[in-house]
Protein backbone atom coordinates (compact mmCIF):
# COMPACT_ATOMS: atom_id res chain seq x y z
CA MET A 1 -65.03 14.71 132.22
CA ALA A 2 -68.71 15.39 131.59
CA PRO A 3 -69.50 16.19 127.95
CA SER A 4 -71.06 19.56 128.81
CA ILE A 5 -68.03 21.55 127.64
CA LYS A 6 -68.51 22.09 123.93
CA SER A 7 -66.55 25.26 123.26
CA VAL A 8 -63.31 26.67 124.69
CA PHE A 9 -61.86 30.12 124.03
CA THR A 10 -58.28 31.29 124.49
CA ALA A 11 -56.70 34.61 123.63
CA HIS A 12 -53.16 35.84 123.12
CA ALA A 13 -52.51 39.56 122.70
CA GLU A 14 -49.20 40.01 120.89
CA GLU A 15 -47.40 43.11 122.12
CA GLY A 16 -44.22 42.67 120.13
CA GLU A 17 -42.14 40.84 122.73
CA GLY A 18 -42.75 37.31 121.43
CA GLU A 19 -44.26 36.12 124.72
CA HIS A 20 -44.75 32.40 125.29
CA ALA A 21 -48.40 31.46 125.78
CA THR A 22 -48.90 28.57 128.19
CA ALA A 23 -52.66 29.05 127.93
CA LEU A 24 -52.69 27.84 124.32
CA GLY A 25 -51.30 24.41 125.21
CA TYR A 26 -53.63 24.12 128.21
CA ALA A 27 -56.69 25.15 126.19
CA LEU A 28 -55.77 22.71 123.43
CA SER A 29 -55.35 19.90 125.96
CA LEU A 30 -58.72 20.75 127.55
CA ALA A 31 -60.50 20.90 124.19
CA GLU A 32 -58.95 17.61 123.11
CA GLN A 33 -60.00 15.81 126.31
CA ALA A 34 -63.51 17.30 126.22
CA GLY A 35 -64.03 16.84 122.49
CA ALA A 36 -64.76 20.58 122.33
CA HIS A 37 -64.32 23.23 119.67
CA LEU A 38 -61.41 25.60 120.35
CA THR A 39 -61.45 29.25 119.34
CA ILE A 40 -58.09 31.03 119.37
CA GLN A 41 -57.79 34.81 119.24
CA ALA A 42 -54.28 35.78 118.23
CA ALA A 43 -54.61 39.56 118.38
CA ALA A 44 -52.01 42.09 117.31
CA MET A 45 -52.02 45.01 119.74
CA ARG A 46 -51.51 47.97 117.45
CA TYR A 47 -50.30 51.42 118.38
CA ALA A 48 -52.59 54.25 117.31
CA ILE A 49 -51.00 57.68 117.66
CA PRO A 50 -52.64 60.71 116.01
CA ALA A 51 -50.54 62.10 113.19
CA SER A 52 -50.84 65.56 114.73
CA VAL A 53 -48.69 64.56 117.71
CA VAL A 54 -45.87 62.69 115.95
CA SER A 55 -43.30 63.63 113.35
CA ASP A 56 -42.99 61.93 109.99
CA PHE A 57 -40.18 59.84 111.48
CA GLY A 58 -42.38 58.90 114.43
CA ALA A 59 -45.25 57.93 112.14
CA THR A 60 -42.92 55.76 110.08
CA PHE A 61 -41.60 54.08 113.24
CA VAL A 62 -45.12 53.39 114.55
CA ALA A 63 -46.18 51.91 111.20
CA ALA A 64 -43.11 49.67 111.14
CA GLU A 65 -43.73 48.53 114.71
CA ASN A 66 -47.35 47.72 113.91
CA ARG A 67 -46.25 45.62 110.94
CA ARG A 68 -43.76 43.76 113.15
CA ILE A 69 -46.37 43.02 115.82
CA THR A 70 -48.86 41.89 113.19
CA ALA A 71 -46.29 39.50 111.73
CA LEU A 72 -45.62 38.04 115.18
CA ALA A 73 -49.35 37.56 115.81
CA GLU A 74 -49.76 35.83 112.46
CA ARG A 75 -46.79 33.59 113.22
CA PHE A 76 -48.38 32.68 116.55
CA ALA A 77 -51.63 31.88 114.72
CA GLU A 78 -49.79 29.61 112.29
CA LEU A 79 -48.10 27.73 115.13
CA ALA A 80 -51.48 27.40 116.83
CA ARG A 81 -53.04 26.09 113.61
CA THR A 82 -50.33 23.45 113.32
CA SER A 83 -50.86 22.39 116.93
CA VAL A 84 -54.63 22.01 116.65
CA ASP A 85 -54.31 20.13 113.36
CA LEU A 86 -51.87 17.66 114.93
CA ALA A 87 -54.21 17.19 117.91
CA GLY A 88 -57.23 16.72 115.65
CA VAL A 89 -59.18 19.44 117.43
CA ASN A 90 -61.82 21.45 115.57
CA SER A 91 -60.84 25.09 115.77
CA THR A 92 -61.43 28.66 114.68
CA ILE A 93 -58.45 31.02 114.64
CA GLU A 94 -58.79 34.76 114.26
CA THR A 95 -56.06 37.40 114.03
CA PRO A 96 -57.65 40.80 114.70
CA GLN A 97 -55.52 43.94 114.70
CA LEU A 98 -56.75 46.07 117.58
CA VAL A 99 -55.67 48.99 119.71
CA TYR A 100 -55.62 48.31 123.45
CA SER A 101 -58.95 50.02 124.13
CA GLU A 102 -60.63 47.52 121.79
CA LEU A 103 -58.91 44.37 123.06
CA GLY A 104 -60.86 43.94 126.28
CA GLU A 105 -64.22 44.45 124.59
CA ARG A 106 -63.37 41.96 121.83
CA LEU A 107 -62.07 39.41 124.34
CA ALA A 108 -65.13 39.68 126.61
CA GLY A 109 -67.45 39.47 123.62
CA GLN A 110 -65.84 36.27 122.38
CA ALA A 111 -65.75 34.77 125.87
CA ARG A 112 -69.53 35.17 126.15
CA LEU A 113 -69.92 32.81 123.19
CA HIS A 114 -68.03 29.92 124.82
CA ASP A 115 -68.37 27.62 127.82
CA LEU A 116 -65.14 28.89 129.35
CA SER A 117 -62.01 30.88 128.56
CA VAL A 118 -58.35 30.08 129.19
CA LEU A 119 -55.86 32.91 129.71
CA ASP A 120 -52.25 33.21 130.81
CA LEU A 121 -51.51 34.34 134.34
CA GLU A 122 -49.37 37.47 134.09
CA GLN A 123 -46.81 37.21 136.88
CA ASN A 124 -45.15 40.52 136.03
CA ALA A 125 -48.25 42.04 134.54
CA ALA A 126 -48.44 45.60 133.37
CA GLU A 127 -51.77 47.30 134.00
CA ARG A 128 -52.91 46.51 130.46
CA ASP A 129 -52.26 42.77 130.83
CA ARG A 130 -54.25 42.56 134.04
CA GLY A 131 -56.98 44.64 132.43
CA LEU A 132 -57.57 41.94 129.81
CA ILE A 133 -57.88 39.25 132.48
CA GLU A 134 -60.30 41.44 134.41
CA ALA A 135 -62.36 42.01 131.24
CA ALA A 136 -62.82 38.25 130.89
CA LEU A 137 -63.54 37.74 134.60
CA PHE A 138 -65.90 40.62 135.27
CA GLU A 139 -67.45 41.48 131.90
CA SER A 140 -67.94 38.18 130.06
CA GLY A 141 -70.32 36.43 132.46
CA ARG A 142 -68.43 33.20 131.82
CA PRO A 143 -65.82 31.27 133.85
CA VAL A 144 -62.13 31.75 133.20
CA ILE A 145 -59.22 29.38 133.83
CA ILE A 146 -56.05 31.39 134.44
CA VAL A 147 -52.93 29.36 133.74
CA PRO A 148 -49.50 29.91 135.35
CA PRO A 149 -46.30 29.25 133.37
CA GLY A 150 -45.50 25.58 132.87
CA SER A 151 -49.10 24.31 133.07
CA GLU A 152 -49.62 23.24 129.48
CA THR A 153 -51.65 20.07 130.09
CA PHE A 154 -55.18 20.16 131.45
CA ALA A 155 -55.87 18.01 134.50
CA ALA A 156 -58.60 18.03 137.14
CA GLY A 157 -58.13 14.80 139.05
CA ARG A 158 -57.56 16.74 142.28
CA ILE A 159 -59.47 19.98 142.81
CA LEU A 160 -59.09 22.47 145.66
CA ILE A 161 -62.19 24.59 146.26
CA ALA A 162 -61.65 27.82 148.18
CA TRP A 163 -64.96 28.18 150.02
CA ASP A 164 -66.15 31.18 152.02
CA GLY A 165 -69.88 30.69 151.62
CA SER A 166 -70.26 33.63 149.22
CA ALA A 167 -72.39 33.83 146.09
CA THR A 168 -69.29 34.18 143.90
CA ALA A 169 -67.75 31.06 145.42
CA ALA A 170 -70.99 29.17 144.77
CA ARG A 171 -71.00 30.43 141.19
CA ALA A 172 -67.43 29.20 140.66
CA ILE A 173 -68.37 25.76 142.01
CA ALA A 174 -71.32 25.60 139.63
CA GLU A 175 -68.99 26.38 136.71
CA ALA A 176 -66.64 23.61 137.87
CA ARG A 177 -69.34 20.93 137.75
CA PRO A 178 -68.10 19.35 134.50
CA PHE A 179 -64.84 18.46 136.26
CA LEU A 180 -66.32 16.98 139.45
CA PRO A 181 -67.25 13.40 138.44
CA GLY A 182 -64.45 11.10 139.58
CA ALA A 183 -62.33 13.93 141.01
CA GLU A 184 -60.84 14.13 144.48
CA VAL A 185 -62.03 17.44 145.90
CA GLU A 186 -60.88 19.27 149.00
CA ILE A 187 -63.07 22.07 150.32
CA LEU A 188 -60.86 24.66 152.00
CA SER A 189 -62.24 27.34 154.33
CA VAL A 190 -59.83 29.94 155.67
CA THR A 191 -60.81 31.88 158.78
CA GLY A 192 -59.28 34.69 160.75
CA GLU A 193 -59.04 37.61 158.30
CA LYS A 194 -62.69 38.67 158.24
CA ASP A 195 -65.75 37.97 160.32
CA LEU A 196 -67.85 35.27 158.68
CA PRO A 197 -70.41 34.42 161.39
CA ARG A 198 -72.89 33.10 158.83
CA LEU A 199 -70.41 31.03 156.83
CA VAL A 200 -71.99 27.91 155.39
CA ALA A 201 -69.54 25.26 156.54
CA GLY A 202 -67.61 23.22 154.03
CA ALA A 203 -69.06 20.10 155.62
CA GLU A 204 -72.52 21.28 154.53
CA LEU A 205 -71.28 21.81 150.96
CA ALA A 206 -69.62 18.39 150.74
CA PRO A 207 -72.81 16.30 150.13
CA HIS A 208 -73.74 18.51 147.17
CA LEU A 209 -70.36 17.90 145.51
CA ALA A 210 -70.52 14.18 146.31
CA ARG A 211 -73.85 13.98 144.46
CA HIS A 212 -71.96 15.16 141.39
CA GLY A 213 -69.59 12.22 141.65
CA ALA A 214 -66.68 13.76 143.54
CA SER A 215 -64.77 12.20 146.43
CA VAL A 216 -64.85 15.03 148.97
CA SER A 217 -62.81 16.01 152.01
CA VAL A 218 -63.09 19.17 154.11
CA ARG A 219 -60.30 21.27 155.58
CA ASN A 220 -60.62 24.34 157.81
CA LEU A 221 -57.57 26.52 158.35
CA ALA A 222 -57.07 29.55 160.57
CA LEU A 223 -54.58 32.15 159.41
CA SER A 224 -51.21 31.84 161.09
CA GLY A 225 -47.58 32.79 160.71
CA GLY A 226 -48.33 36.08 159.04
CA ASN A 227 -49.85 34.43 155.95
CA ASP A 228 -52.84 36.02 154.27
CA VAL A 229 -55.78 34.16 152.72
CA ALA A 230 -54.23 33.97 149.24
CA GLU A 231 -50.96 32.54 150.53
CA THR A 232 -52.87 30.03 152.65
CA ILE A 233 -54.79 28.91 149.54
CA ARG A 234 -51.58 28.61 147.54
CA GLN A 235 -49.91 26.48 150.20
CA ALA A 236 -52.98 24.31 150.66
CA ALA A 237 -53.11 23.66 146.90
CA VAL A 238 -49.51 22.48 146.95
CA ASP A 239 -50.08 20.32 150.05
CA PHE A 240 -53.15 18.70 148.47
CA GLY A 241 -51.41 18.18 145.13
CA ALA A 242 -54.22 20.04 143.40
CA ASP A 243 -54.44 20.15 139.62
CA LEU A 244 -56.94 23.02 139.73
CA ILE A 245 -57.98 25.71 142.22
CA VAL A 246 -61.62 26.83 142.13
CA CYS A 247 -62.54 30.17 143.71
CA GLY A 248 -64.82 33.13 143.28
CA ALA A 249 -63.46 36.39 141.88
CA TYR A 250 -64.04 39.65 143.70
CA LYS A 251 -63.88 43.10 142.16
CA HIS A 252 -63.27 46.13 144.32
CA SER A 253 -62.25 49.66 143.45
CA ARG A 254 -58.57 50.14 142.56
CA LEU A 255 -58.12 52.28 145.68
CA ARG A 256 -59.62 49.63 147.96
CA GLU A 257 -57.49 46.93 146.32
CA TRP A 258 -54.37 49.05 146.84
CA LEU A 259 -55.19 49.83 150.46
CA LEU A 260 -56.50 46.44 151.57
CA GLY A 261 -55.07 44.02 149.06
CA GLY A 262 -57.36 41.22 147.99
CA VAL A 263 -57.43 37.49 147.48
CA THR A 264 -58.27 37.78 143.78
CA ARG A 265 -55.57 40.36 143.17
CA SER A 266 -52.96 38.28 144.99
CA LEU A 267 -53.84 35.02 143.24
CA LEU A 268 -53.72 36.75 139.85
CA LYS A 269 -50.14 37.73 140.64
CA SER A 270 -49.02 34.26 141.69
CA SER A 271 -50.59 30.83 141.72
CA PRO A 272 -48.92 27.41 141.79
CA ARG A 273 -51.84 25.82 139.91
CA PRO A 274 -54.37 26.90 137.27
CA LEU A 275 -57.25 28.94 138.71
CA LEU A 276 -60.86 28.48 137.73
CA MET A 277 -62.53 31.76 138.64
CA SER A 278 -66.03 33.09 138.13
CA HIS A 279 -67.89 36.24 139.09
């Protein structure tokens, strides 16, 4: 791995359910391999309900719940501190107590100060969980690796690049440059869902990636069997044995996403491999 990654950021927003954070292990593994500094945000998501709309009993319950969530976040921070100490990784750990409306802003602000961020993929995400991922993707200006459950060790020996010739795809590839030297890379172009008459072919992209030290192959797939683009990417990643999927992130209005779906939206729901996304 090229030594250009100097700082890695990961965030866990404790909501009181004691969720397991795969992203922490992945971020720690990445920081250890890169010799990078790791910043961990173990935030307690507090409830803030105006006293005028709750009874004394309700206020007491909310205060007790906030204390419980804070204790869980602090416990997560202690476990994280033990892990980074054992790995010998330089780290900064913060435990802010924030209401939901502040979480996204704090996360995006921290992400801007690092080379990349690592977050958990939320398979059964509530709107608020997905909102935090979107804050990192679309408001930080930095790349994000989104990690599915079970992916606790960083690897990038085999990289699948989802290529459609767009500016966001090119941006994602640029952010993946530190991982290219020595990697086996497959450039995947999926056709059939939208008209891309001016698509820059994957074969034209291949020499650029080879100059960065990657061993490159090109694969073009037409949609078939009722699969959409996201499912085709997922299956191709499994077939290739990819450690990492690199793709651009696209942001549309909520209504358009609901009506038309979207590759980004679908991959954020389910991915067999960690996703490096950029916008």
